[in-house]
N, C-alpha and C. Protein backbone atom coordinates (compact mmCIF):
# COMPACT_ATOMS: atom_id res chain seq x y z
N MET A 1 -73.45 67.51 82.65
CA MET A 1 -73.21 67.94 81.29
C MET A 1 -72.37 69.31 81.19
N LYS A 2 -71.55 69.53 80.37
CA LYS A 2 -71.02 70.76 80.14
C LYS A 2 -71.87 71.73 79.39
N ASN A 3 -71.75 72.95 79.81
CA ASN A 3 -72.77 73.91 78.89
C ASN A 3 -72.35 73.80 77.51
N PRO A 4 -73.51 73.65 76.55
CA PRO A 4 -73.31 73.27 75.40
C PRO A 4 -72.32 74.60 74.40
N ARG A 5 -72.39 75.98 75.03
CA ARG A 5 -71.72 76.89 74.37
C ARG A 5 -70.18 76.76 74.45
N THR A 6 -69.80 75.97 75.53
CA THR A 6 -68.26 75.54 76.00
C THR A 6 -67.98 74.76 74.67
N LEU A 7 -68.67 73.64 74.25
CA LEU A 7 -68.22 72.95 73.19
C LEU A 7 -68.36 73.51 71.85
N ILE A 8 -69.38 74.11 71.58
CA ILE A 8 -69.68 74.83 70.25
C ILE A 8 -68.74 75.65 69.72
N ALA A 9 -68.25 76.82 70.43
CA ALA A 9 -67.33 77.75 70.12
C ALA A 9 -65.96 77.13 69.67
N PRO A 10 -65.27 76.38 70.34
CA PRO A 10 -64.19 75.73 69.99
C PRO A 10 -64.29 74.84 68.66
N MET A 11 -65.42 74.25 68.54
CA MET A 11 -65.68 73.30 67.51
C MET A 11 -65.95 74.35 66.06
N GLY A 12 -66.65 75.33 66.12
CA GLY A 12 -66.80 75.93 65.04
C GLY A 12 -65.44 76.84 64.74
N LEU A 13 -64.56 76.95 65.46
CA LEU A 13 -63.21 77.46 65.09
C LEU A 13 -62.38 76.25 64.39
N LEU A 14 -62.41 75.10 64.83
CA LEU A 14 -61.61 73.93 64.23
C LEU A 14 -62.17 73.42 62.91
N LEU A 15 -63.49 73.50 62.65
CA LEU A 15 -64.04 72.81 61.51
C LEU A 15 -63.43 73.28 60.25
N PRO A 16 -63.25 74.70 59.89
CA PRO A 16 -62.45 75.05 58.81
C PRO A 16 -61.16 74.52 58.73
N LEU A 17 -60.40 74.51 59.81
CA LEU A 17 -59.02 73.99 59.83
C LEU A 17 -59.19 72.57 59.31
N ALA A 18 -60.03 71.63 59.72
CA ALA A 18 -60.11 70.28 59.40
C ALA A 18 -60.27 70.24 57.80
N PHE A 19 -61.18 71.06 57.31
CA PHE A 19 -61.54 70.98 55.99
C PHE A 19 -60.30 71.46 55.16
N LEU A 20 -59.44 72.35 55.37
CA LEU A 20 -58.35 72.74 54.84
C LEU A 20 -57.45 71.70 54.84
N GLY A 21 -57.17 70.98 56.02
CA GLY A 21 -56.25 69.94 56.01
C GLY A 21 -56.56 68.67 55.03
N ALA A 22 -57.91 68.59 54.86
CA ALA A 22 -58.45 67.42 54.17
C ALA A 22 -58.18 67.50 52.69
N CYS A 23 -58.26 68.92 52.16
CA CYS A 23 -57.98 69.32 50.87
C CYS A 23 -56.68 68.94 49.95
N SER A 24 -55.66 69.08 50.93
CA SER A 24 -54.36 68.71 50.44
C SER A 24 -53.67 67.67 51.16
N LYS A 25 -53.34 66.32 50.41
CA LYS A 25 -52.99 65.23 50.91
C LYS A 25 -51.28 65.26 51.06
N ASP A 26 -50.95 66.36 50.55
CA ASP A 26 -49.30 66.54 50.52
C ASP A 26 -49.01 67.18 51.53
N GLU A 27 -49.68 68.17 52.23
CA GLU A 27 -49.52 68.94 53.20
C GLU A 27 -49.85 68.40 54.75
N PRO A 28 -49.18 68.34 55.75
CA PRO A 28 -49.48 67.87 56.91
C PRO A 28 -50.62 68.42 57.62
N THR A 29 -51.47 67.88 58.29
CA THR A 29 -52.67 68.43 58.90
C THR A 29 -52.13 68.97 60.29
N THR A 30 -52.34 70.41 60.69
CA THR A 30 -52.34 70.83 61.91
C THR A 30 -53.35 71.16 62.62
N VAL A 31 -53.53 70.67 63.86
CA VAL A 31 -54.66 70.88 64.76
C VAL A 31 -54.40 72.01 65.79
N VAL A 32 -55.29 72.96 65.61
CA VAL A 32 -54.96 74.14 66.96
C VAL A 32 -55.98 73.64 68.00
N GLU A 33 -55.44 73.55 69.35
CA GLU A 33 -56.15 73.36 70.46
C GLU A 33 -56.49 74.97 70.87
N PRO A 34 -57.88 74.80 71.43
CA PRO A 34 -58.19 76.09 71.71
C PRO A 34 -57.57 76.52 73.20
N THR A 35 -57.41 77.69 73.22
CA THR A 35 -57.00 78.17 74.55
C THR A 35 -57.96 78.99 75.37
N SER A 36 -57.46 79.42 76.53
CA SER A 36 -58.37 80.05 77.49
C SER A 36 -58.99 81.29 76.71
N ALA A 37 -58.48 81.98 75.97
CA ALA A 37 -59.14 83.07 75.22
C ALA A 37 -60.45 82.63 74.57
N PHE A 38 -60.54 81.21 74.18
CA PHE A 38 -61.71 80.80 73.52
C PHE A 38 -63.00 80.15 74.36
N GLN A 39 -62.61 80.25 75.69
CA GLN A 39 -63.36 79.66 76.73
C GLN A 39 -64.57 80.80 76.87
N PRO A 40 -65.74 80.30 77.33
CA PRO A 40 -66.74 81.29 77.78
C PRO A 40 -66.56 81.68 79.12
N THR A 41 -66.84 83.16 79.50
CA THR A 41 -66.62 83.77 80.79
C THR A 41 -67.60 83.31 81.67
N GLY A 42 -68.44 82.48 81.40
CA GLY A 42 -69.64 82.32 82.43
C GLY A 42 -70.85 82.92 82.31
N ALA A 43 -70.99 83.97 81.34
CA ALA A 43 -72.25 84.51 81.09
C ALA A 43 -73.17 83.52 80.38
N THR A 44 -74.23 83.50 80.75
CA THR A 44 -75.39 82.73 80.35
C THR A 44 -76.47 83.30 79.33
N GLY A 45 -76.12 84.64 78.99
CA GLY A 45 -77.15 85.21 77.98
C GLY A 45 -78.31 85.61 78.50
N GLY A 46 -79.16 86.18 77.59
CA GLY A 46 -80.61 86.51 78.26
C GLY A 46 -80.58 88.00 78.56
N ALA A 47 -81.67 88.52 78.60
CA ALA A 47 -81.87 90.07 79.06
C ALA A 47 -81.71 90.26 80.56
N THR A 48 -80.97 91.39 80.94
CA THR A 48 -80.83 91.64 82.20
C THR A 48 -81.42 93.17 82.41
N GLY A 49 -81.69 93.57 83.58
CA GLY A 49 -82.15 94.93 83.79
C GLY A 49 -83.55 95.08 84.01
N THR A 50 -84.00 96.15 84.09
CA THR A 50 -85.45 96.43 84.46
C THR A 50 -86.19 96.52 83.16
N THR A 51 -87.48 96.24 83.26
CA THR A 51 -88.36 96.45 82.08
C THR A 51 -89.18 97.69 82.49
N GLY A 52 -89.65 98.30 81.30
CA GLY A 52 -90.53 99.44 81.32
C GLY A 52 -90.53 100.12 79.81
N GLU A 53 -90.95 101.34 79.91
CA GLU A 53 -91.08 102.03 78.63
C GLU A 53 -89.79 102.11 77.76
N LEU A 54 -89.65 102.00 76.48
CA LEU A 54 -88.54 101.96 75.78
C LEU A 54 -88.32 103.61 75.71
N PRO A 55 -87.22 104.16 75.50
CA PRO A 55 -86.75 105.27 75.27
C PRO A 55 -87.17 105.90 74.00
N THR A 56 -87.57 107.02 73.94
CA THR A 56 -88.13 107.77 72.58
C THR A 56 -87.01 108.39 72.03
N THR A 57 -85.89 108.98 72.74
CA THR A 57 -85.00 109.82 71.94
C THR A 57 -83.67 109.91 72.99
N THR A 58 -82.76 110.20 72.19
CA THR A 58 -81.38 110.09 72.99
C THR A 58 -81.25 111.46 73.48
N ALA A 59 -80.55 111.89 74.57
CA ALA A 59 -80.36 113.38 75.10
C ALA A 59 -79.78 114.20 73.87
N GLY A 60 -80.31 115.26 73.75
CA GLY A 60 -79.83 116.13 72.78
C GLY A 60 -80.48 116.03 71.30
N VAL A 61 -81.22 114.96 70.98
CA VAL A 61 -81.84 114.72 69.52
C VAL A 61 -83.38 114.95 69.77
N THR A 62 -83.84 115.61 68.82
CA THR A 62 -85.21 116.07 68.65
C THR A 62 -85.86 115.07 67.61
N THR A 63 -86.94 114.60 68.09
CA THR A 63 -87.92 114.05 67.41
C THR A 63 -89.04 114.93 66.51
N GLY A 64 -88.96 114.93 65.39
CA GLY A 64 -89.82 115.99 64.49
C GLY A 64 -91.39 115.38 64.65
N LYS A 65 -92.12 116.35 64.36
CA LYS A 65 -93.57 116.24 64.14
C LYS A 65 -94.04 116.64 62.95
N VAL A 66 -94.21 116.04 61.86
CA VAL A 66 -94.83 116.31 60.75
C VAL A 66 -96.10 115.50 60.48
N SER A 67 -97.10 116.06 60.01
CA SER A 67 -98.28 115.41 59.73
C SER A 67 -99.19 115.50 58.46
N SER A 68 -98.79 116.79 57.83
CA SER A 68 -99.26 117.15 56.60
C SER A 68 -98.40 117.72 55.55
N GLY A 69 -98.58 117.79 54.27
CA GLY A 69 -97.85 118.29 53.30
C GLY A 69 -98.06 117.82 52.01
N GLN A 70 -97.17 118.28 50.91
CA GLN A 70 -97.46 117.92 49.64
C GLN A 70 -96.24 117.92 48.80
N ALA A 71 -96.31 117.01 47.91
CA ALA A 71 -95.17 117.04 46.88
C ALA A 71 -95.61 117.25 45.52
N ALA A 72 -94.86 117.97 44.63
CA ALA A 72 -95.33 118.25 43.28
C ALA A 72 -94.11 117.88 42.52
N PHE A 73 -94.56 117.34 41.03
CA PHE A 73 -93.24 117.13 40.28
C PHE A 73 -93.70 116.89 38.90
N THR A 74 -92.60 117.22 37.84
CA THR A 74 -92.90 117.02 36.46
C THR A 74 -91.92 116.27 36.06
N LEU A 75 -92.39 115.35 34.98
CA LEU A 75 -91.61 114.40 34.43
C LEU A 75 -91.40 114.74 32.95
N THR A 76 -90.32 114.72 32.14
CA THR A 76 -90.00 114.82 30.71
C THR A 76 -89.21 113.54 30.49
N GLY A 77 -89.47 113.20 29.22
CA GLY A 77 -88.70 112.28 28.57
C GLY A 77 -89.80 111.17 28.09
N ASP A 78 -89.55 109.98 28.39
CA ASP A 78 -90.47 108.78 27.98
C ASP A 78 -91.64 108.79 28.74
N ILE A 79 -91.90 109.43 29.80
CA ILE A 79 -93.19 109.59 30.26
C ILE A 79 -93.26 111.21 30.59
N ARG A 80 -94.39 111.62 30.23
CA ARG A 80 -94.38 113.28 30.53
C ARG A 80 -95.79 113.48 31.24
N THR A 81 -95.56 113.95 32.39
CA THR A 81 -96.76 114.30 33.28
C THR A 81 -96.33 115.21 34.22
N SER A 82 -97.21 115.84 34.91
CA SER A 82 -97.18 116.82 36.08
C SER A 82 -98.15 116.44 37.06
N LYS A 83 -97.75 116.35 38.35
CA LYS A 83 -98.88 115.93 39.50
C LYS A 83 -98.36 116.64 40.68
N THR A 84 -99.59 116.89 41.45
CA THR A 84 -99.38 117.46 42.86
C THR A 84 -99.83 116.58 43.66
N LEU A 85 -99.27 116.06 44.77
CA LEU A 85 -99.67 114.88 45.70
C LEU A 85 -99.85 115.68 46.95
N ALA A 86 -101.05 115.62 47.45
CA ALA A 86 -101.57 116.36 48.71
C ALA A 86 -101.89 115.64 49.89
N ASN A 87 -101.42 114.13 49.84
CA ASN A 87 -101.61 113.38 50.97
C ASN A 87 -100.19 112.99 51.37
N LEU A 88 -99.73 113.40 52.63
CA LEU A 88 -98.58 112.59 53.44
C LEU A 88 -98.95 111.52 54.09
N VAL A 89 -98.60 110.43 53.72
CA VAL A 89 -98.93 109.07 54.15
C VAL A 89 -97.87 108.37 55.35
N SER A 90 -96.71 108.85 54.92
CA SER A 90 -95.60 108.25 56.02
C SER A 90 -94.99 109.46 56.55
N THR A 91 -94.66 109.52 57.85
CA THR A 91 -94.26 110.62 58.52
C THR A 91 -93.05 110.18 59.56
N VAL A 92 -92.19 109.63 59.16
CA VAL A 92 -91.11 109.30 59.99
C VAL A 92 -90.16 110.28 59.69
N TYR A 93 -89.77 111.16 60.68
CA TYR A 93 -88.92 112.13 60.43
C TYR A 93 -88.31 112.69 61.84
N ALA A 94 -86.96 113.21 61.82
CA ALA A 94 -86.29 113.85 62.98
C ALA A 94 -85.47 114.77 62.09
N PRO A 95 -85.37 116.00 62.69
CA PRO A 95 -84.45 117.10 62.00
C PRO A 95 -82.97 116.58 61.88
N PRO A 96 -82.08 117.25 61.23
CA PRO A 96 -80.78 116.84 61.21
C PRO A 96 -80.05 116.93 62.74
N PRO A 97 -79.40 116.01 62.96
CA PRO A 97 -78.69 114.67 62.21
C PRO A 97 -79.74 113.54 62.45
N GLY A 98 -80.89 113.53 62.14
CA GLY A 98 -81.78 112.42 62.43
C GLY A 98 -82.02 111.81 61.11
N GLY A 99 -83.04 111.00 60.90
CA GLY A 99 -83.57 110.25 59.68
C GLY A 99 -84.86 110.71 59.29
N MET A 100 -85.16 110.28 58.27
CA MET A 100 -86.66 110.45 57.57
C MET A 100 -87.09 109.52 56.61
N ALA A 101 -88.25 109.14 56.47
CA ALA A 101 -88.78 108.34 55.49
C ALA A 101 -90.31 109.02 55.35
N LEU A 102 -90.49 109.85 54.13
CA LEU A 102 -91.47 110.67 54.07
C LEU A 102 -92.24 110.20 52.76
N VAL A 103 -93.42 110.08 52.68
CA VAL A 103 -94.10 109.65 51.39
C VAL A 103 -95.36 110.40 51.43
N TRP A 104 -95.56 111.08 50.04
CA TRP A 104 -96.66 111.66 49.59
C TRP A 104 -97.59 110.74 48.49
N THR A 105 -98.72 110.88 48.61
CA THR A 105 -99.46 110.07 47.46
C THR A 105 -100.59 111.11 46.89
N ALA A 106 -101.14 110.63 45.80
CA ALA A 106 -102.09 111.22 45.15
C ALA A 106 -103.64 110.98 45.93
N GLY A 107 -103.62 109.83 46.21
CA GLY A 107 -104.89 109.32 47.06
C GLY A 107 -105.70 108.75 45.90
N GLY A 108 -106.88 108.20 46.48
CA GLY A 108 -108.00 107.79 45.78
C GLY A 108 -107.47 106.45 44.79
N ASN A 109 -107.88 106.69 43.47
CA ASN A 109 -107.39 105.36 42.60
C ASN A 109 -106.14 105.61 41.83
N ASP A 110 -105.41 106.81 42.30
CA ASP A 110 -104.12 107.20 41.54
C ASP A 110 -103.14 106.36 42.43
N ALA A 111 -102.29 105.66 41.89
CA ALA A 111 -101.00 105.15 42.78
C ALA A 111 -99.61 105.86 42.60
N THR A 112 -99.68 107.23 42.36
CA THR A 112 -98.67 108.12 42.09
C THR A 112 -98.11 108.44 43.60
N THR A 113 -96.71 108.16 43.66
CA THR A 113 -96.33 108.60 45.02
C THR A 113 -95.02 109.22 44.81
N VAL A 114 -94.61 109.95 45.79
CA VAL A 114 -93.12 110.44 45.93
C VAL A 114 -92.71 110.13 47.25
N GLY A 115 -91.42 109.47 47.43
CA GLY A 115 -90.94 109.15 48.70
C GLY A 115 -89.36 109.63 48.81
N LEU A 116 -89.21 110.05 50.02
CA LEU A 116 -87.77 110.53 50.25
C LEU A 116 -87.40 109.99 51.54
N GLY A 117 -86.24 109.13 51.66
CA GLY A 117 -85.70 108.54 52.68
C GLY A 117 -84.25 108.57 52.87
N GLY A 118 -83.69 108.59 54.16
CA GLY A 118 -82.37 108.74 54.56
C GLY A 118 -82.21 109.45 55.60
N ILE A 119 -80.91 110.10 55.62
CA ILE A 119 -80.43 110.86 56.55
C ILE A 119 -80.89 112.27 56.59
N SER A 120 -81.57 112.89 57.47
CA SER A 120 -82.02 114.36 57.07
C SER A 120 -80.85 115.30 57.07
N PHE A 121 -80.89 116.40 56.63
CA PHE A 121 -79.71 117.39 56.41
C PHE A 121 -80.42 118.66 55.79
N THR A 122 -79.56 119.57 55.74
CA THR A 122 -80.07 121.02 55.21
C THR A 122 -78.77 121.33 54.11
N GLY A 123 -79.28 121.73 52.92
CA GLY A 123 -78.37 121.93 51.90
C GLY A 123 -78.60 121.02 50.58
N THR A 124 -77.54 120.83 49.72
CA THR A 124 -77.81 120.02 48.62
C THR A 124 -77.05 118.79 48.59
N GLU A 125 -77.63 117.65 48.45
CA GLU A 125 -76.99 116.41 48.38
C GLU A 125 -77.35 115.53 47.13
N PRO A 126 -76.58 114.63 46.57
CA PRO A 126 -76.99 113.83 45.47
C PRO A 126 -77.57 112.53 46.27
N THR A 127 -78.46 111.89 45.69
CA THR A 127 -78.98 110.48 46.19
C THR A 127 -77.76 109.62 46.28
N SER A 128 -77.93 108.69 47.27
CA SER A 128 -76.86 107.79 47.45
C SER A 128 -77.43 106.65 48.46
N PRO A 129 -76.70 105.57 48.79
CA PRO A 129 -77.37 104.64 49.60
C PRO A 129 -77.81 105.12 50.95
N SER A 130 -77.52 106.31 51.31
CA SER A 130 -78.06 106.87 52.67
C SER A 130 -79.01 107.95 52.13
N LEU A 131 -79.30 108.09 51.13
CA LEU A 131 -80.33 109.02 50.59
C LEU A 131 -80.87 108.64 49.43
N SER A 132 -82.37 108.21 49.48
CA SER A 132 -82.96 107.98 48.00
C SER A 132 -84.39 108.67 47.81
N LEU A 133 -84.58 108.76 46.72
CA LEU A 133 -85.73 109.53 46.23
C LEU A 133 -86.54 108.57 45.20
N THR A 134 -87.69 108.16 45.47
CA THR A 134 -88.67 107.34 44.83
C THR A 134 -89.75 108.09 44.35
N ILE A 135 -90.03 107.96 42.70
CA ILE A 135 -91.15 108.50 42.15
C ILE A 135 -91.85 107.33 41.41
N THR A 136 -93.07 107.10 41.94
CA THR A 136 -93.96 105.86 41.47
C THR A 136 -95.25 106.74 40.76
N VAL A 137 -95.15 106.56 39.27
CA VAL A 137 -96.14 107.22 38.49
C VAL A 137 -97.08 106.32 37.84
N GLN A 138 -98.51 106.64 38.04
CA GLN A 138 -99.44 105.92 37.13
C GLN A 138 -99.92 106.89 36.01
N ASP A 139 -99.70 106.32 35.01
CA ASP A 139 -99.90 107.26 33.82
C ASP A 139 -100.64 106.32 32.84
N LYS A 140 -101.62 106.71 32.08
CA LYS A 140 -102.44 105.88 31.10
C LYS A 140 -102.59 104.51 31.39
N GLY A 141 -102.76 104.25 32.77
CA GLY A 141 -103.14 102.82 33.29
C GLY A 141 -101.85 101.92 33.61
N ALA A 142 -100.69 102.53 33.32
CA ALA A 142 -99.59 101.86 33.65
C ALA A 142 -98.88 102.56 34.96
N ILE A 143 -98.13 101.67 35.90
CA ILE A 143 -97.53 102.15 36.87
C ILE A 143 -95.91 101.91 36.81
N THR A 144 -95.32 103.18 36.83
CA THR A 144 -93.76 102.95 36.67
C THR A 144 -93.05 103.45 37.89
N ALA A 145 -92.10 102.69 38.38
CA ALA A 145 -91.28 103.19 39.51
C ALA A 145 -89.93 103.57 39.20
N PHE A 146 -89.64 104.91 39.44
CA PHE A 146 -88.24 105.29 39.42
C PHE A 146 -87.70 105.38 40.84
N ILE A 147 -86.38 104.69 41.09
CA ILE A 147 -85.71 104.87 42.21
C ILE A 147 -84.11 105.52 41.85
N SER A 148 -83.91 106.47 42.57
CA SER A 148 -82.74 107.19 42.67
C SER A 148 -82.05 106.94 43.99
N SER A 149 -80.80 106.28 43.90
CA SER A 149 -79.96 105.94 45.10
C SER A 149 -78.39 106.10 44.65
N THR A 150 -78.26 106.68 43.45
CA THR A 150 -76.84 106.51 42.94
C THR A 150 -76.36 107.72 42.21
N GLY A 151 -76.87 108.91 42.67
CA GLY A 151 -76.84 110.31 42.27
C GLY A 151 -77.35 110.80 40.81
N GLU A 152 -78.45 110.03 40.45
CA GLU A 152 -79.26 110.41 39.25
C GLU A 152 -80.05 111.73 39.74
N CYS A 153 -80.15 111.99 40.96
CA CYS A 153 -81.05 113.18 41.52
C CYS A 153 -80.12 113.99 42.54
N THR A 154 -80.45 115.03 42.64
CA THR A 154 -80.01 115.96 43.62
C THR A 154 -81.06 116.58 44.52
N VAL A 155 -80.99 116.31 45.83
CA VAL A 155 -82.09 116.82 46.77
C VAL A 155 -81.48 117.90 47.31
N THR A 156 -82.35 119.22 47.50
CA THR A 156 -82.08 120.30 48.26
C THR A 156 -83.05 120.48 49.20
N ILE A 157 -82.65 120.64 50.51
CA ILE A 157 -83.42 120.79 51.73
C ILE A 157 -83.01 122.21 52.44
N GLY A 158 -84.05 123.11 52.22
CA GLY A 158 -83.58 124.60 52.67
C GLY A 158 -84.26 124.69 54.10
N LEU A 159 -85.20 123.87 54.61
CA LEU A 159 -85.80 123.86 55.85
C LEU A 159 -85.97 122.83 56.67
N ALA A 160 -85.37 122.34 57.85
CA ALA A 160 -85.41 121.04 58.35
C ALA A 160 -85.38 121.36 59.70
N SER A 161 -86.90 121.60 60.30
CA SER A 161 -86.66 122.19 61.81
C SER A 161 -87.74 120.82 62.53
N GLY A 162 -88.01 120.96 63.75
CA GLY A 162 -88.68 119.83 64.47
C GLY A 162 -90.07 119.79 63.90
N SER A 163 -90.60 120.97 63.37
CA SER A 163 -91.90 120.89 62.90
C SER A 163 -92.28 121.07 61.36
N GLN A 164 -91.07 121.04 60.55
CA GLN A 164 -91.08 121.46 59.19
C GLN A 164 -90.02 121.03 58.49
N ILE A 165 -90.38 120.48 57.40
CA ILE A 165 -89.36 120.18 56.29
C ILE A 165 -89.78 120.62 54.97
N SER A 166 -88.85 121.21 54.10
CA SER A 166 -89.20 121.63 52.85
C SER A 166 -87.90 121.59 51.89
N GLY A 167 -88.21 121.50 50.44
CA GLY A 167 -86.99 121.50 49.63
C GLY A 167 -87.55 121.10 48.24
N ALA A 168 -86.52 120.61 47.37
CA ALA A 168 -86.71 120.32 45.94
C ALA A 168 -85.70 119.19 45.55
N PHE A 169 -86.11 118.81 44.25
CA PHE A 169 -85.28 117.93 43.65
C PHE A 169 -85.20 117.96 42.12
N ASN A 170 -83.89 117.65 41.79
CA ASN A 170 -83.82 117.53 40.37
C ASN A 170 -83.22 116.26 39.74
N CYS A 171 -83.63 115.65 38.78
CA CYS A 171 -83.15 114.34 38.28
C CYS A 171 -82.97 114.33 36.79
N THR A 172 -81.74 113.70 36.58
CA THR A 172 -81.32 113.74 35.00
C THR A 172 -81.22 112.34 34.77
N GLY A 173 -81.95 111.75 33.65
CA GLY A 173 -81.70 110.39 33.35
C GLY A 173 -82.01 109.37 34.29
N LEU A 174 -83.13 109.61 34.72
CA LEU A 174 -83.66 108.57 35.92
C LEU A 174 -84.40 107.34 35.09
N SER A 175 -83.87 106.29 35.42
CA SER A 175 -84.39 105.07 34.67
C SER A 175 -85.37 104.18 35.52
N ALA A 176 -86.34 103.69 34.91
CA ALA A 176 -87.13 102.55 35.48
C ALA A 176 -86.67 101.37 35.42
N GLY A 177 -85.59 101.04 34.56
CA GLY A 177 -84.98 99.66 34.34
C GLY A 177 -85.62 99.05 33.26
N SER A 178 -86.70 99.80 32.74
CA SER A 178 -87.18 99.03 31.43
C SER A 178 -86.98 99.73 30.10
N ASN A 179 -86.00 100.49 29.81
CA ASN A 179 -85.80 101.29 28.76
C ASN A 179 -86.96 102.48 28.96
N VAL A 180 -87.27 102.96 29.99
CA VAL A 180 -88.09 104.18 30.32
C VAL A 180 -87.22 105.18 31.16
N VAL A 181 -86.92 106.15 30.51
CA VAL A 181 -85.91 107.27 31.12
C VAL A 181 -86.53 108.53 31.22
N VAL A 182 -86.56 109.16 32.31
CA VAL A 182 -87.17 110.67 32.34
C VAL A 182 -86.00 111.57 33.16
N ASP A 183 -86.45 112.86 33.05
CA ASP A 183 -85.84 113.87 33.86
C ASP A 183 -86.97 114.34 34.63
N ALA A 184 -86.64 114.65 35.96
CA ALA A 184 -87.54 115.08 36.75
C ALA A 184 -87.41 116.26 37.72
N THR A 185 -88.24 117.19 37.76
CA THR A 185 -88.03 118.27 38.76
C THR A 185 -89.09 118.30 39.88
N GLY A 186 -89.14 118.76 41.01
CA GLY A 186 -90.25 118.64 41.96
C GLY A 186 -89.83 119.38 43.26
N SER A 187 -90.95 119.59 44.21
CA SER A 187 -90.79 120.33 45.43
C SER A 187 -91.58 119.47 46.39
N PHE A 188 -91.23 119.65 47.78
CA PHE A 188 -91.81 118.87 48.81
C PHE A 188 -91.83 119.80 49.90
N ASN A 189 -93.01 119.61 50.82
CA ASN A 189 -92.91 120.06 52.28
C ASN A 189 -93.89 119.17 53.06
N ALA A 190 -93.54 119.17 54.33
CA ALA A 190 -94.24 118.65 55.37
C ALA A 190 -94.33 119.55 56.55
N GLN A 191 -95.25 119.54 57.34
CA GLN A 191 -95.37 120.29 58.48
C GLN A 191 -96.28 119.78 59.63
N GLY A 192 -96.03 120.08 60.67
CA GLY A 192 -96.93 119.49 61.97
C GLY A 192 -98.21 120.27 62.02
């Protein structure tokens, strides 16, 4: 029996053409025969090579080590509160041009968190699909999450080394999606 991949690839290319021909009775149906460009090259798939430890970094890239820190923020608008979060609970971080996923929390029975994720940098950047800021607030028994990834906030990172990151953020018109809108200012730091 032939290799099933030899049969599936050409059929996958011909099926859309068959449906197009069936949609119009006035047009003649053209069938395209597969050429050698569509034939498999004999590879059978599967992993090859040696097994062992996964690489931890690419040459020239440094992985950061941060394990403690704090974030502080003030909200004004529909929710008015100020909090300092002294627990760094997520510490995925590499200095520029690396990535970061940092989350600070109040701890205990308070669900308030601040999260910063995306591509690490120094300078000032607006939030975007590659840089997000999340503020989740527990206030008067209610938990409200604000997520900025479309420019509602600017993030400034003044220091981003292998063992430390620090900066600040400023948000205007940050919405929780339920007619709750706030302005926010805050700062953050993490170190090894």
